C-alpha atoms as a PDB file:
ATOM      1  CA  MET A   1      95.421 129.829 108.330  1.00  0.00           C
ATOM      2  CA  LYS A   2      98.718 129.883 106.444  1.00  0.00           C
ATOM      3  CA  LYS A   3     100.442 128.483 109.513  1.00  0.00           C
ATOM      4  CA  PHE A   4      98.067 125.507 109.441  1.00  0.00           C
ATOM      5  CA  PHE A   5      99.055 124.637 105.880  1.00  0.00           C
ATOM      6  CA  ARG A   6     102.740 125.091 106.598  1.00  0.00           C
ATOM      7  CA  VAL A   7     102.476 122.739 109.554  1.00  0.00           C
ATOM      8  CA  ALA A   8     100.354 120.292 107.534  1.00  0.00           C
ATOM      9  CA  PHE A   9     102.917 120.293 104.737  1.00  0.00           C
ATOM     10  CA  LEU A  10     105.783 119.703 107.174  1.00  0.00           C
ATOM     11  CA  VAL A  11     103.873 116.825 108.779  1.00  0.00           C
ATOM     12  CA  PHE A  12     103.265 115.446 105.279  1.00  0.00           C
ATOM     13  CA  LEU A  13     106.983 115.560 104.472  1.00  0.00           C
ATOM     14  CA  LEU A  14     107.847 113.932 107.778  1.00  0.00           C
ATOM     15  CA  PHE A  15     105.468 111.002 107.281  1.00  0.00           C
ATOM     16  CA  ALA A  16     106.334 110.580 103.595  1.00  0.00           C
ATOM     17  CA  GLY A  17     110.011 110.153 104.436  1.00  0.00           C
ATOM     18  CA  GLU A  18     109.355 108.079 107.542  1.00  0.00           C
ATOM     19  CA  ASN A  19     107.258 105.598 105.584  1.00  0.00           C
ATOM     20  CA  ILE A  20     110.335 104.393 103.731  1.00  0.00           C
ATOM     21  CA  HIS A  21     112.493 103.815 106.797  1.00  0.00           C
ATOM     22  CA  ALA A  22     109.749 102.454 109.056  1.00  0.00           C
ATOM     23  CA  GLN A  23     109.309  99.312 106.996  1.00  0.00           C
ATOM     24  CA  LYS A  24     109.995  96.486 109.444  1.00  0.00           C
ATOM     25  CA  ASN A  25     109.287  93.571 107.127  1.00  0.00           C
ATOM     26  CA  ILE A  26     111.267  92.741 104.009  1.00  0.00           C
ATOM     27  CA  PHE A  27     108.997  93.362 101.013  1.00  0.00           C
ATOM     28  CA  ILE A  28     110.012  91.451  97.901  1.00  0.00           C
ATOM     29  CA  ARG A  29     108.618  90.746  94.447  1.00  0.00           C
ATOM     30  CA  LEU A  30     109.129  87.405  92.700  1.00  0.00           C
ATOM     31  CA  TYR A  31     109.454  86.907  88.941  1.00  0.00           C
ATOM     32  CA  ASP A  32     109.302  83.632  87.017  1.00  0.00           C
ATOM     33  CA  LEU A  33     111.621  82.427  84.250  1.00  0.00           C
ATOM     34  CA  ASN A  34     109.603  84.434  81.680  1.00  0.00           C
ATOM     35  CA  GLY A  35     109.993  87.705  83.600  1.00  0.00           C
ATOM     36  CA  LYS A  36     106.368  87.707  84.769  1.00  0.00           C
ATOM     37  CA  LYS A  37     105.655  88.783  88.358  1.00  0.00           C
ATOM     38  CA  ILE A  38     104.300  85.768  90.209  1.00  0.00           C
ATOM     39  CA  GLY A  39     104.148  87.109  93.746  1.00  0.00           C
ATOM     40  CA  LYS A  40     104.804  89.945  96.136  1.00  0.00           C
ATOM     41  CA  GLY A  41     104.690  90.361  99.879  1.00  0.00           C
ATOM     42  CA  ASN A  42     106.687  90.321 103.092  1.00  0.00           C
ATOM     43  CA  LEU A  43     109.299  87.591 103.335  1.00  0.00           C
ATOM     44  CA  LEU A  44     108.731  84.797 105.855  1.00  0.00           C
ATOM     45  CA  PRO A  45     111.388  82.229 106.907  1.00  0.00           C
ATOM     46  CA  GLY A  46     109.909  79.332 104.863  1.00  0.00           C
ATOM     47  CA  THR A  47     111.726  76.113 104.039  1.00  0.00           C
ATOM     48  CA  ASP A  48     114.907  75.434 102.080  1.00  0.00           C
ATOM     49  CA  SER A  49     113.001  74.730  98.868  1.00  0.00           C
ATOM     50  CA  THR A  50     110.266  77.388  99.083  1.00  0.00           C
ATOM     51  CA  ILE A  51     109.783  81.118  99.420  1.00  0.00           C
ATOM     52  CA  ASP A  52     106.931  82.091 101.722  1.00  0.00           C
ATOM     53  CA  LEU A  53     105.357  85.533 101.397  1.00  0.00           C
ATOM     54  CA  LEU A  54     102.826  87.220 103.634  1.00  0.00           C
ATOM     55  CA  ARG A  55     100.403  89.530 101.859  1.00  0.00           C
ATOM     56  CA  GLY A  56      97.743  90.949 104.132  1.00  0.00           C
ATOM     57  CA  LYS A  57      96.630  88.000 106.233  1.00  0.00           C
ATOM     58  CA  LYS A  58      97.338  85.370 103.578  1.00  0.00           C
ATOM     59  CA  THR A  59     100.528  83.366 103.208  1.00  0.00           C
ATOM     60  CA  LYS A  60     101.576  82.179  99.777  1.00  0.00           C
ATOM     61  CA  THR A  61     104.291  79.622  99.086  1.00  0.00           C
ATOM     62  CA  PHE A  62     106.406  79.601  95.925  1.00  0.00           C
ATOM     63  CA  SER A  63     108.761  76.871  94.789  1.00  0.00           C
ATOM     64  CA  ILE A  64     112.297  78.164  94.317  1.00  0.00           C
ATOM     65  CA  SER A  65     112.555  76.180  91.085  1.00  0.00           C
ATOM     66  CA  LYS A  66     109.969  78.530  89.515  1.00  0.00           C
ATOM     67  CA  VAL A  67     111.600  81.784  90.650  1.00  0.00           C
ATOM     68  CA  ASP A  68     114.084  83.511  88.350  1.00  0.00           C
ATOM     69  CA  GLU A  69     114.495  86.905  90.065  1.00  0.00           C
ATOM     70  CA  VAL A  70     113.817  88.499  93.427  1.00  0.00           C
ATOM     71  CA  LYS A  71     113.427  92.265  93.564  1.00  0.00           C
ATOM     72  CA  THR A  72     113.505  94.149  96.842  1.00  0.00           C
ATOM     73  CA  ARG A  73     111.227  96.981  97.932  1.00  0.00           C
ATOM     74  CA  ARG A  74     108.132  98.314  96.241  1.00  0.00           C
ATOM     75  CA  THR A  75     108.030  99.836  92.764  1.00  0.00           C
ATOM     76  CA  PHE A  76     108.730 103.478  91.912  1.00  0.00           C
ATOM     77  CA  GLY A  77     105.040 104.070  91.143  1.00  0.00           C
ATOM     78  CA  HIS A  78     104.042 102.963  94.637  1.00  0.00           C
ATOM     79  CA  SER A  79     105.951 105.869  96.185  1.00  0.00           C
ATOM     80  CA  VAL A  80     104.345 108.340  93.786  1.00  0.00           C
ATOM     81  CA  LEU A  81     100.879 106.934  94.484  1.00  0.00           C
ATOM     82  CA  ILE A  82     101.309 107.111  98.266  1.00  0.00           C
ATOM     83  CA  GLY A  83     102.634 110.690  98.072  1.00  0.00           C
ATOM     84  CA  THR A  84      99.734 111.737  95.868  1.00  0.00           C
ATOM     85  CA  GLY A  85      97.244 110.072  98.213  1.00  0.00           C
ATOM     86  CA  VAL A  86      98.610 111.945 101.212  1.00  0.00           C
ATOM     87  CA  GLY A  87      98.464 115.177  99.196  1.00  0.00           C
ATOM     88  CA  VAL A  88      94.845 114.528  98.238  1.00  0.00           C
ATOM     89  CA  GLY A  89      93.968 113.836 101.887  1.00  0.00           C
ATOM     90  CA  LEU A  90      95.541 117.090 103.034  1.00  0.00           C
ATOM     91  CA  ALA A  91      93.886 118.933 100.141  1.00  0.00           C
ATOM     92  CA  THR A  92      90.494 117.607 101.210  1.00  0.00           C
ATOM     93  CA  VAL A  93      91.053 118.978 104.698  1.00  0.00           C
ATOM     94  CA  GLY A  94      92.150 122.298 103.175  1.00  0.00           C
ATOM     95  CA  ILE A  95      89.060 122.519 100.982  1.00  0.00           C
ATOM     96  CA  ILE A  96      86.808 121.815 103.968  1.00  0.00           C
ATOM     97  CA  ILE A  97      88.555 124.567 105.919  1.00  0.00           C
ATOM     98  CA  SER A  98      88.324 126.846 102.900  1.00  0.00           C
ATOM     99  CA  ALA A  99      84.597 126.223 102.575  1.00  0.00           C
ATOM    100  CA  SER A 100      83.993 126.892 106.250  1.00  0.00           C
ATOM    101  CA  ALA A 101      86.095 130.071 106.106  1.00  0.00           C
ATOM    102  CA  SER A 102      84.159 131.337 103.087  1.00  0.00           C
ATOM    103  CA  ASN A 103      81.102 131.728 105.293  1.00  0.00           C
ATOM    104  CA  SER A 104      82.985 134.132 107.535  1.00  0.00           C
ATOM    105  CA  ASP A 105      84.204 137.646 106.855  1.00  0.00           C
ATOM    106  CA  ASN A 106      87.715 136.549 105.889  1.00  0.00           C
ATOM    107  CA  GLN A 107      87.345 135.810 102.158  1.00  0.00           C
ATOM    108  CA  GLU A 108      91.071 136.212 101.496  1.00  0.00           C
ATOM    109  CA  THR A 109      91.960 133.387 103.889  1.00  0.00           C
ATOM    110  CA  SER A 110      89.338 131.201 102.244  1.00  0.00           C
ATOM    111  CA  PHE A 111      90.790 131.838  98.792  1.00  0.00           C
ATOM    112  CA  ASP A 112      94.359 131.211  99.986  1.00  0.00           C
ATOM    113  CA  ALA A 113      93.386 127.966 101.699  1.00  0.00           C
ATOM    114  CA  GLY A 114      91.580 126.744  98.583  1.00  0.00           C
ATOM    115  CA  LEU A 115      94.481 127.691  96.344  1.00  0.00           C
ATOM    116  CA  ILE A 116      97.007 125.908  98.547  1.00  0.00           C
ATOM    117  CA  ALA A 117      94.748 122.848  98.736  1.00  0.00           C
ATOM    118  CA  LEU A 118      94.763 122.565  94.953  1.00  0.00           C
ATOM    119  CA  GLY A 119      98.553 122.291  94.924  1.00  0.00           C
ATOM    120  CA  LEU A 120      98.893 119.675  97.671  1.00  0.00           C
ATOM    121  CA  PRO A 121      98.280 116.601  95.460  1.00  0.00           C
ATOM    122  CA  TYR A 122     100.990 117.842  93.083  1.00  0.00           C
ATOM    123  CA  ALA A 123     103.337 118.445  96.000  1.00  0.00           C
ATOM    124  CA  GLY A 124     102.581 114.939  97.251  1.00  0.00           C
ATOM    125  CA  ALA A 125     103.309 113.461  93.841  1.00  0.00           C
ATOM    126  CA  LEU A 126     106.571 115.391  93.723  1.00  0.00           C
ATOM    127  CA  VAL A 127     107.625 114.155  97.162  1.00  0.00           C
ATOM    128  CA  GLY A 128     106.664 110.602  96.150  1.00  0.00           C
ATOM    129  CA  THR A 129     108.742 110.940  92.986  1.00  0.00           C
ATOM    130  CA  VAL A 130     111.784 112.097  94.925  1.00  0.00           C
ATOM    131  CA  VAL A 131     111.360 109.338  97.507  1.00  0.00           C
ATOM    132  CA  GLY A 132     110.907 106.753  94.738  1.00  0.00           C
ATOM    133  CA  ALA A 133     114.001 107.996  92.935  1.00  0.00           C
ATOM    134  CA  VAL A 134     116.284 107.787  95.969  1.00  0.00           C
ATOM    135  CA  THR A 135     114.977 104.435  97.244  1.00  0.00           C
ATOM    136  CA  LYS A 136     117.461 101.682  96.475  1.00  0.00           C
ATOM    137  CA  ARG A 137     115.884  98.634  94.905  1.00  0.00           C
ATOM    138  CA  ARG A 138     117.965  95.577  94.162  1.00  0.00           C
ATOM    139  CA  THR A 139     117.466  92.635  91.834  1.00  0.00           C
ATOM    140  CA  PHE A 140     118.862  89.214  92.661  1.00  0.00           C
ATOM    141  CA  GLU A 141     119.014  86.369  90.174  1.00  0.00           C
ATOM    142  CA  ILE A 142     117.931  83.050  91.647  1.00  0.00           C
ATOM    143  CA  LYS A 143     117.526  81.140  88.376  1.00  0.00           C
ATOM    144  CA  GLY A 144     115.490  78.470  90.177  1.00  0.00           C
ATOM    145  CA  ASN A 145     118.489  77.425  92.260  1.00  0.00           C
ATOM    146  CA  ALA A 146     118.118  77.012  96.029  1.00  0.00           C
ATOM    147  CA  ASP A 147     121.878  77.520  96.458  1.00  0.00           C
ATOM    148  CA  ASN A 148     121.478  81.055  95.102  1.00  0.00           C
ATOM    149  CA  TRP A 149     118.460  81.752  97.324  1.00  0.00           C
ATOM    150  CA  GLN A 150     119.660  80.537 100.749  1.00  0.00           C
ATOM    151  CA  PRO A 151     122.438  83.110 101.391  1.00  0.00           C
ATOM    152  CA  LEU A 152     120.195  85.905 100.147  1.00  0.00           C
ATOM    153  CA  LYS A 153     117.313  84.787 102.370  1.00  0.00           C
ATOM    154  CA  GLU A 154     119.548  84.579 105.439  1.00  0.00           C
ATOM    155  CA  GLN A 155     120.937  88.040 104.723  1.00  0.00           C
ATOM    156  CA  MET A 156     117.469  89.584 104.307  1.00  0.00           C
ATOM    157  CA  LEU A 157     115.973  87.927 107.366  1.00  0.00           C
ATOM    158  CA  SER A 158     118.918  88.910 109.581  1.00  0.00           C
ATOM    159  CA  LYS A 159     118.269  92.646 109.056  1.00  0.00           C
END
């Protein structure tokens, strides 16, 4: 039973780290001249005077003249939330295994599995915190100027 949780934790670490590097699309957040977030999503080619973002199945178009800053990647809290969610999912599996093992003769395994399952959300949050802390996010000032946006867009889309 302990081997199961060790393997599950290693799989968790593998997928938590892989999630950061497997991002194929360029996720950006747009802020207006007042510093308010006006949009977020995956960058699409768009036109010379607009920024097109894909969020889910919807495309939204923003005028460059209304965009002050572009920030890359998702926020720090997103990494923590994803890590915690994975931890909760693994904990749920552990609690189900613990409950099924409690009906058998091996009460010690049941207790261990339940105890480990309680710590998995915290471990997930910790992994998410570390991943969020090491992820490089950049801020680019556009100031509503298409001349500032075009080189940045070409650089991001070429990756």
